[in-house]
Amino acid sequence: MAKSAEVISEELGLSPGRLFAWKRRFAPADAGGGAVAGAKPPSYADLQAQLEAALRENRHVREQCYILKKR
């Protein structure tokens, strides 16, 4: 059974809007995403690098939020 975008975004600590933005940006063209027709799909290494960058950014934003809450 497929999970809803709201459930997935909550599990990842993201807003549903951010999840949909990533889907539009990175989904294959045949899945309704914004990929360019005829473009080569990203490799596993590229996807892994994008995931790691997103996780680093998420961690950084959470740290900033925590610092702001402490003040």
Protein backbone atom coordinates (compact mmCIF):
# COMPACT_ATOMS: atom_id res chain seq x y z
CA MET A 1 0.00 0.00 0.00
CA ALA A 2 1.37 3.40 -0.97
CA LYS A 3 1.92 6.08 1.65
CA SER A 4 0.51 9.56 1.24
CA ALA A 5 2.78 12.52 0.61
CA GLU A 6 1.84 13.91 4.01
CA VAL A 7 2.96 10.72 5.80
CA ILE A 8 6.22 10.54 3.86
CA SER A 9 6.99 14.23 4.38
CA GLU A 10 6.34 13.86 8.11
CA GLU A 11 8.66 10.84 8.30
CA LEU A 12 11.40 12.82 6.54
CA GLY A 13 10.82 16.01 8.51
CA LEU A 14 9.85 17.98 5.41
CA SER A 15 6.86 19.99 4.38
CA PRO A 16 4.56 18.34 1.81
CA GLY A 17 5.25 21.29 -0.52
CA ARG A 18 9.00 20.56 -0.47
CA LEU A 19 8.32 16.89 -1.21
CA PHE A 20 6.16 17.80 -4.21
CA ALA A 21 8.81 20.28 -5.42
CA TRP A 22 11.44 17.52 -5.32
CA LYS A 23 9.07 15.19 -7.17
CA ARG A 24 8.50 17.77 -9.92
CA ARG A 25 12.22 18.39 -10.19
CA PHE A 26 13.60 14.84 -10.05
CA ALA A 27 10.82 12.45 -11.15
CA PRO A 28 11.24 10.77 -14.55
CA ALA A 29 9.25 12.33 -17.38
CA ASP A 30 6.93 9.30 -17.67
CA ALA A 31 6.04 9.68 -13.96
CA GLY A 32 4.76 13.20 -14.48
CA GLY A 33 7.95 14.89 -13.27
CA GLY A 34 9.78 17.83 -14.75
CA ALA A 35 12.61 15.85 -16.32
CA VAL A 36 13.58 16.78 -19.85
CA ALA A 37 12.38 14.31 -22.49
CA GLY A 38 15.24 12.20 -23.83
CA ALA A 39 17.52 13.15 -20.95
CA LYS A 40 19.59 10.40 -19.39
CA PRO A 41 18.31 9.47 -15.90
CA PRO A 42 20.70 10.28 -13.06
CA SER A 43 23.08 7.56 -11.94
CA TYR A 44 22.95 5.93 -8.52
CA ALA A 45 26.02 7.94 -7.48
CA ASP A 46 24.34 11.20 -8.55
CA LEU A 47 21.20 10.35 -6.61
CA GLN A 48 23.26 9.35 -3.57
CA ALA A 49 25.15 12.65 -3.72
CA GLN A 50 21.88 14.59 -3.97
CA LEU A 51 20.48 12.69 -0.99
CA GLU A 52 23.59 13.36 1.09
CA ALA A 53 23.46 17.06 0.20
CA ALA A 54 19.78 17.24 1.16
CA LEU A 55 20.47 15.47 4.46
CA ARG A 56 23.34 17.89 5.23
CA GLU A 57 21.09 20.85 4.43
CA ASN A 58 18.30 19.42 6.58
CA ARG A 59 20.71 18.90 9.50
CA HIS A 60 22.03 22.47 9.11
CA VAL A 61 18.53 23.95 9.08
CA ARG A 62 17.55 21.93 12.15
CA GLU A 63 20.66 23.19 13.97
CA GLN A 64 19.79 26.77 13.05
CA CYS A 65 16.24 26.27 14.30
CA TYR A 66 17.53 24.78 17.56
CA ILE A 67 19.92 27.72 18.08
CA LEU A 68 17.12 30.20 17.47
CA LYS A 69 14.85 28.40 19.95
CA LYS A 70 17.55 28.53 22.65
CA ARG A 71 17.68 32.34 22.52
